[in-house]
Amino acid sequence: MRRVDAITKEKTLTCKETPLGDLRIRCSGRPHQMVIRFEAGRRLIRIDNTARAEYEPKVILSIEGYATDTGTRDARLMRNQEPVNLDTLILGQLRVLAGLSRRTSGKT
């Protein structure tokens, strides 16, 4: 999958699935990449972003099942024993990969 910028008409992000099932996302014009790995046996998702600062912790998400109000079960992603908003997490990682601030306000 290649994402083309609507304004510059250039390829901006490239996403490729590896033979092992990992996703690799690259930003054109930058040497960095983001790799998303799924470890089924341990129920973990690891996000390795080479554009993140060295002192920042790695992103490791666990998949946790929980009971719902209707008596059924569902699953959610957890980080540091807190539920994760996946949309916000991935958007922040993509912004770092592209060389932008994590927040739209411009503050880091």
N, C-alpha and C. Protein backbone atom coordinates (compact mmCIF):
# COMPACT_ATOMS: atom_id res chain seq x y z
N MET A 1 0.84 -1.17 0.00
CA MET A 1 0.00 0.00 0.00
C MET A 1 0.88 1.23 0.00
N ARG A 2 0.61 2.16 -0.87
CA ARG A 2 1.35 3.42 -0.91
C ARG A 2 0.36 4.56 -0.74
N ARG A 3 0.70 5.49 0.10
CA ARG A 3 -0.14 6.65 0.35
C ARG A 3 0.44 7.82 -0.43
N VAL A 4 -0.38 8.47 -1.27
CA VAL A 4 0.05 9.61 -2.06
C VAL A 4 -0.51 10.87 -1.42
N ASP A 5 0.37 11.85 -1.16
CA ASP A 5 -0.03 13.11 -0.56
C ASP A 5 -0.91 13.88 -1.54
N ALA A 6 -2.05 14.39 -1.06
CA ALA A 6 -3.00 15.09 -1.92
C ALA A 6 -2.45 16.41 -2.44
N ILE A 7 -1.55 17.04 -1.70
CA ILE A 7 -1.04 18.35 -2.11
C ILE A 7 0.20 18.21 -2.99
N THR A 8 1.19 17.45 -2.53
CA THR A 8 2.44 17.34 -3.27
C THR A 8 2.42 16.28 -4.36
N LYS A 9 1.43 15.40 -4.31
CA LYS A 9 1.29 14.28 -5.26
C LYS A 9 2.47 13.32 -5.21
N GLU A 10 3.15 13.27 -4.05
CA GLU A 10 4.28 12.36 -3.86
C GLU A 10 3.88 11.22 -2.94
N LYS A 11 4.59 10.09 -3.09
CA LYS A 11 4.38 8.97 -2.19
C LYS A 11 4.92 9.36 -0.82
N THR A 12 4.13 9.15 0.22
CA THR A 12 4.56 9.55 1.55
C THR A 12 4.83 8.34 2.44
N LEU A 13 3.92 7.40 2.51
CA LEU A 13 4.08 6.22 3.35
C LEU A 13 3.96 4.96 2.51
N THR A 14 4.80 3.99 2.81
CA THR A 14 4.75 2.69 2.14
C THR A 14 4.60 1.63 3.22
N CYS A 15 3.63 0.76 3.05
CA CYS A 15 3.38 -0.32 4.01
C CYS A 15 3.57 -1.64 3.30
N LYS A 16 4.37 -2.53 3.90
CA LYS A 16 4.66 -3.82 3.30
C LYS A 16 4.56 -4.91 4.35
N GLU A 17 3.95 -6.01 4.02
CA GLU A 17 3.90 -7.16 4.92
C GLU A 17 5.07 -8.08 4.60
N THR A 18 5.80 -8.49 5.62
CA THR A 18 6.94 -9.38 5.44
C THR A 18 6.45 -10.83 5.39
N PRO A 19 7.29 -11.77 4.94
CA PRO A 19 6.89 -13.18 4.93
C PRO A 19 6.51 -13.72 6.32
N LEU A 20 7.04 -13.10 7.38
CA LEU A 20 6.71 -13.53 8.74
C LEU A 20 5.41 -12.92 9.26
N GLY A 21 4.81 -12.03 8.48
CA GLY A 21 3.56 -11.41 8.89
C GLY A 21 3.71 -10.07 9.57
N ASP A 22 4.94 -9.58 9.70
CA ASP A 22 5.16 -8.26 10.28
C ASP A 22 4.77 -7.19 9.27
N LEU A 23 4.37 -6.03 9.76
CA LEU A 23 4.11 -4.89 8.89
C LEU A 23 5.27 -3.92 9.00
N ARG A 24 5.77 -3.45 7.86
CA ARG A 24 6.85 -2.46 7.83
C ARG A 24 6.31 -1.22 7.14
N ILE A 25 6.40 -0.11 7.83
CA ILE A 25 5.93 1.16 7.29
C ILE A 25 7.12 2.08 7.17
N ARG A 26 7.31 2.63 5.97
CA ARG A 26 8.41 3.55 5.71
C ARG A 26 7.85 4.88 5.24
N CYS A 27 8.56 5.92 5.58
CA CYS A 27 8.20 7.26 5.15
C CYS A 27 9.22 7.69 4.10
N SER A 28 8.75 8.08 2.93
CA SER A 28 9.68 8.45 1.87
C SER A 28 10.47 9.69 2.28
N GLY A 29 11.73 9.69 1.90
CA GLY A 29 12.59 10.82 2.22
C GLY A 29 13.21 10.74 3.60
N ARG A 30 12.94 9.67 4.34
CA ARG A 30 13.50 9.50 5.68
C ARG A 30 14.04 8.08 5.80
N PRO A 31 15.12 7.89 6.55
CA PRO A 31 15.72 6.57 6.65
C PRO A 31 15.05 5.65 7.68
N HIS A 32 14.01 6.13 8.33
CA HIS A 32 13.40 5.38 9.43
C HIS A 32 12.26 4.49 8.95
N GLN A 33 11.93 3.51 9.80
CA GLN A 33 10.80 2.64 9.52
C GLN A 33 10.13 2.26 10.83
N MET A 34 8.88 1.86 10.73
CA MET A 34 8.13 1.36 11.87
C MET A 34 7.76 -0.08 11.56
N VAL A 35 8.04 -0.99 12.50
CA VAL A 35 7.73 -2.40 12.31
C VAL A 35 6.73 -2.80 13.39
N ILE A 36 5.64 -3.43 12.95
CA ILE A 36 4.62 -3.92 13.88
C ILE A 36 4.67 -5.43 13.84
N ARG A 37 4.97 -6.03 15.01
CA ARG A 37 5.10 -7.49 15.11
C ARG A 37 4.00 -8.03 16.03
N PHE A 38 3.42 -9.16 15.65
CA PHE A 38 2.42 -9.84 16.46
C PHE A 38 2.98 -11.16 16.93
N GLU A 39 3.01 -11.36 18.24
CA GLU A 39 3.47 -12.61 18.82
C GLU A 39 2.25 -13.35 19.37
N ALA A 40 1.72 -14.27 18.59
CA ALA A 40 0.47 -14.95 18.94
C ALA A 40 0.59 -15.76 20.23
N GLY A 41 1.69 -16.47 20.40
CA GLY A 41 1.85 -17.32 21.58
C GLY A 41 1.85 -16.54 22.88
N ARG A 42 2.39 -15.34 22.85
CA ARG A 42 2.47 -14.51 24.07
C ARG A 42 1.38 -13.45 24.11
N ARG A 43 0.55 -13.37 23.05
CA ARG A 43 -0.51 -12.37 22.93
C ARG A 43 0.05 -10.95 23.10
N LEU A 44 1.10 -10.66 22.33
CA LEU A 44 1.74 -9.35 22.37
C LEU A 44 1.82 -8.73 20.99
N ILE A 45 1.79 -7.42 20.96
CA ILE A 45 2.06 -6.65 19.75
C ILE A 45 3.19 -5.70 20.09
N ARG A 46 4.26 -5.72 19.29
CA ARG A 46 5.41 -4.85 19.49
C ARG A 46 5.48 -3.85 18.34
N ILE A 47 5.67 -2.60 18.68
CA ILE A 47 5.83 -1.56 17.67
C ILE A 47 7.22 -0.98 17.83
N ASP A 48 8.07 -1.24 16.85
CA ASP A 48 9.44 -0.72 16.83
C ASP A 48 9.50 0.42 15.82
N ASN A 49 9.79 1.61 16.31
CA ASN A 49 9.86 2.79 15.46
C ASN A 49 11.27 3.35 15.56
N THR A 50 12.04 3.25 14.49
CA THR A 50 13.44 3.70 14.54
C THR A 50 13.54 5.23 14.62
N ALA A 51 12.46 5.94 14.39
CA ALA A 51 12.49 7.40 14.46
C ALA A 51 12.29 7.91 15.88
N ARG A 52 11.89 7.05 16.81
CA ARG A 52 11.66 7.51 18.18
C ARG A 52 13.00 7.75 18.86
N ALA A 53 12.99 8.62 19.85
CA ALA A 53 14.22 8.93 20.60
C ALA A 53 14.67 7.69 21.38
N GLU A 54 15.98 7.56 21.56
CA GLU A 54 16.55 6.39 22.24
C GLU A 54 16.04 6.23 23.67
N TYR A 55 15.77 7.33 24.35
CA TYR A 55 15.36 7.25 25.75
C TYR A 55 13.88 6.88 25.92
N GLU A 56 13.10 6.92 24.84
CA GLU A 56 11.68 6.57 24.93
C GLU A 56 11.51 5.06 25.04
N PRO A 57 10.55 4.63 25.86
CA PRO A 57 10.35 3.17 25.99
C PRO A 57 9.77 2.58 24.72
N LYS A 58 10.04 1.30 24.51
CA LYS A 58 9.46 0.60 23.36
C LYS A 58 7.98 0.38 23.61
N VAL A 59 7.23 0.27 22.54
CA VAL A 59 5.79 0.07 22.66
C VAL A 59 5.52 -1.43 22.61
N ILE A 60 5.04 -1.96 23.72
CA ILE A 60 4.66 -3.36 23.81
C ILE A 60 3.22 -3.40 24.34
N LEU A 61 2.33 -3.94 23.53
CA LEU A 61 0.93 -4.02 23.90
C LEU A 61 0.55 -5.46 24.15
N SER A 62 -0.22 -5.69 25.19
CA SER A 62 -0.72 -7.05 25.45
C SER A 62 -2.19 -7.10 25.04
N ILE A 63 -2.61 -8.27 24.62
CA ILE A 63 -4.01 -8.48 24.25
C ILE A 63 -4.68 -9.17 25.42
N GLU A 64 -5.72 -8.56 25.92
CA GLU A 64 -6.39 -9.05 27.13
C GLU A 64 -7.87 -9.27 26.86
N GLY A 65 -8.38 -10.39 27.31
CA GLY A 65 -9.81 -10.65 27.20
C GLY A 65 -10.51 -10.12 28.44
N TYR A 66 -11.76 -9.70 28.27
CA TYR A 66 -12.54 -9.21 29.41
C TYR A 66 -14.02 -9.50 29.18
N ALA A 67 -14.75 -9.56 30.27
CA ALA A 67 -16.19 -9.82 30.21
C ALA A 67 -16.93 -8.52 29.90
N THR A 68 -17.98 -8.61 29.10
CA THR A 68 -18.79 -7.45 28.77
C THR A 68 -20.08 -7.48 29.59
N ASP A 69 -20.85 -6.40 29.50
CA ASP A 69 -22.11 -6.31 30.23
C ASP A 69 -23.14 -7.34 29.77
N THR A 70 -23.02 -7.78 28.53
CA THR A 70 -24.01 -8.73 27.98
C THR A 70 -23.66 -10.17 28.30
N GLY A 71 -22.61 -10.39 29.07
CA GLY A 71 -22.23 -11.75 29.43
C GLY A 71 -21.30 -12.43 28.44
N THR A 72 -20.91 -11.71 27.40
CA THR A 72 -19.96 -12.26 26.42
C THR A 72 -18.56 -11.77 26.76
N ARG A 73 -17.61 -12.17 25.95
CA ARG A 73 -16.22 -11.73 26.15
C ARG A 73 -15.76 -10.93 24.95
N ASP A 74 -14.83 -10.04 25.19
CA ASP A 74 -14.25 -9.22 24.13
C ASP A 74 -12.75 -9.11 24.42
N ALA A 75 -12.02 -8.45 23.54
CA ALA A 75 -10.58 -8.28 23.73
C ALA A 75 -10.22 -6.82 23.56
N ARG A 76 -9.15 -6.41 24.24
CA ARG A 76 -8.66 -5.05 24.13
C ARG A 76 -7.14 -5.07 24.25
N LEU A 77 -6.53 -3.97 23.78
CA LEU A 77 -5.08 -3.82 23.89
C LEU A 77 -4.76 -3.06 25.17
N MET A 78 -3.73 -3.53 25.87
CA MET A 78 -3.33 -2.93 27.14
C MET A 78 -1.85 -2.54 27.07
N ARG A 79 -1.52 -1.43 27.71
CA ARG A 79 -0.13 -1.00 27.86
C ARG A 79 0.02 -0.46 29.28
N ASN A 80 1.00 -0.96 30.00
CA ASN A 80 1.20 -0.58 31.40
C ASN A 80 -0.08 -0.78 32.21
N GLN A 81 -0.78 -1.84 31.93
CA GLN A 81 -2.00 -2.24 32.62
C GLN A 81 -3.13 -1.23 32.48
N GLU A 82 -3.11 -0.46 31.39
CA GLU A 82 -4.16 0.50 31.06
C GLU A 82 -4.65 0.23 29.64
N PRO A 83 -5.97 0.36 29.37
CA PRO A 83 -6.46 0.20 28.00
C PRO A 83 -5.85 1.24 27.07
N VAL A 84 -5.62 0.84 25.83
CA VAL A 84 -4.96 1.70 24.84
C VAL A 84 -5.96 2.18 23.81
N ASN A 85 -5.89 3.47 23.47
CA ASN A 85 -6.63 4.01 22.35
C ASN A 85 -5.74 3.79 21.13
N LEU A 86 -6.02 2.75 20.37
CA LEU A 86 -5.15 2.34 19.27
C LEU A 86 -5.02 3.41 18.19
N ASP A 87 -6.11 4.09 17.87
CA ASP A 87 -6.05 5.14 16.84
C ASP A 87 -5.05 6.23 17.22
N THR A 88 -5.11 6.68 18.47
CA THR A 88 -4.21 7.73 18.94
C THR A 88 -2.77 7.24 18.98
N LEU A 89 -2.56 6.01 19.43
CA LEU A 89 -1.22 5.45 19.50
C LEU A 89 -0.58 5.35 18.13
N ILE A 90 -1.29 4.79 17.16
CA ILE A 90 -0.74 4.62 15.81
C ILE A 90 -0.52 5.98 15.15
N LEU A 91 -1.45 6.90 15.33
CA LEU A 91 -1.29 8.23 14.74
C LEU A 91 -0.03 8.91 15.30
N GLY A 92 0.19 8.82 16.61
CA GLY A 92 1.38 9.39 17.22
C GLY A 92 2.65 8.75 16.67
N GLN A 93 2.64 7.43 16.51
CA GLN A 93 3.81 6.73 15.96
C GLN A 93 4.07 7.14 14.51
N LEU A 94 3.02 7.28 13.72
CA LEU A 94 3.19 7.71 12.32
C LEU A 94 3.72 9.14 12.24
N ARG A 95 3.26 10.00 13.14
CA ARG A 95 3.75 11.39 13.16
C ARG A 95 5.25 11.42 13.49
N VAL A 96 5.68 10.61 14.45
CA VAL A 96 7.11 10.53 14.78
C VAL A 96 7.90 10.00 13.59
N LEU A 97 7.36 8.98 12.94
CA LEU A 97 8.02 8.39 11.77
C LEU A 97 8.21 9.44 10.66
N ALA A 98 7.22 10.30 10.50
CA ALA A 98 7.28 11.33 9.46
C ALA A 98 8.10 12.55 9.88
N GLY A 99 8.58 12.57 11.13
CA GLY A 99 9.39 13.69 11.58
C GLY A 99 8.58 14.83 12.16
N LEU A 100 7.34 14.57 12.51
CA LEU A 100 6.46 15.59 13.09
C LEU A 100 6.37 15.40 14.59
N SER A 101 5.76 16.34 15.25
CA SER A 101 5.48 16.22 16.68
C SER A 101 4.37 15.20 16.88
N ARG A 102 4.32 14.55 18.04
CA ARG A 102 3.25 13.60 18.33
C ARG A 102 1.89 14.29 18.40
N ARG A 103 1.91 15.54 18.77
CA ARG A 103 0.64 16.28 18.94
C ARG A 103 0.49 17.29 17.82
N THR A 104 -0.75 17.56 17.44
CA THR A 104 -0.99 18.51 16.37
C THR A 104 -0.71 19.95 16.79
N SER A 105 -0.62 20.22 18.10
CA SER A 105 -0.34 21.57 18.58
C SER A 105 1.10 21.99 18.33
N GLY A 106 1.97 21.01 17.97
CA GLY A 106 3.37 21.32 17.71
C GLY A 106 4.26 21.14 18.90
N LYS A 107 3.66 20.93 20.09
CA LYS A 107 4.47 20.71 21.29
C LYS A 107 4.81 19.23 21.37
N THR A 108 6.02 18.89 21.85
CA THR A 108 6.42 17.50 21.94
C THR A 108 6.06 16.89 23.26
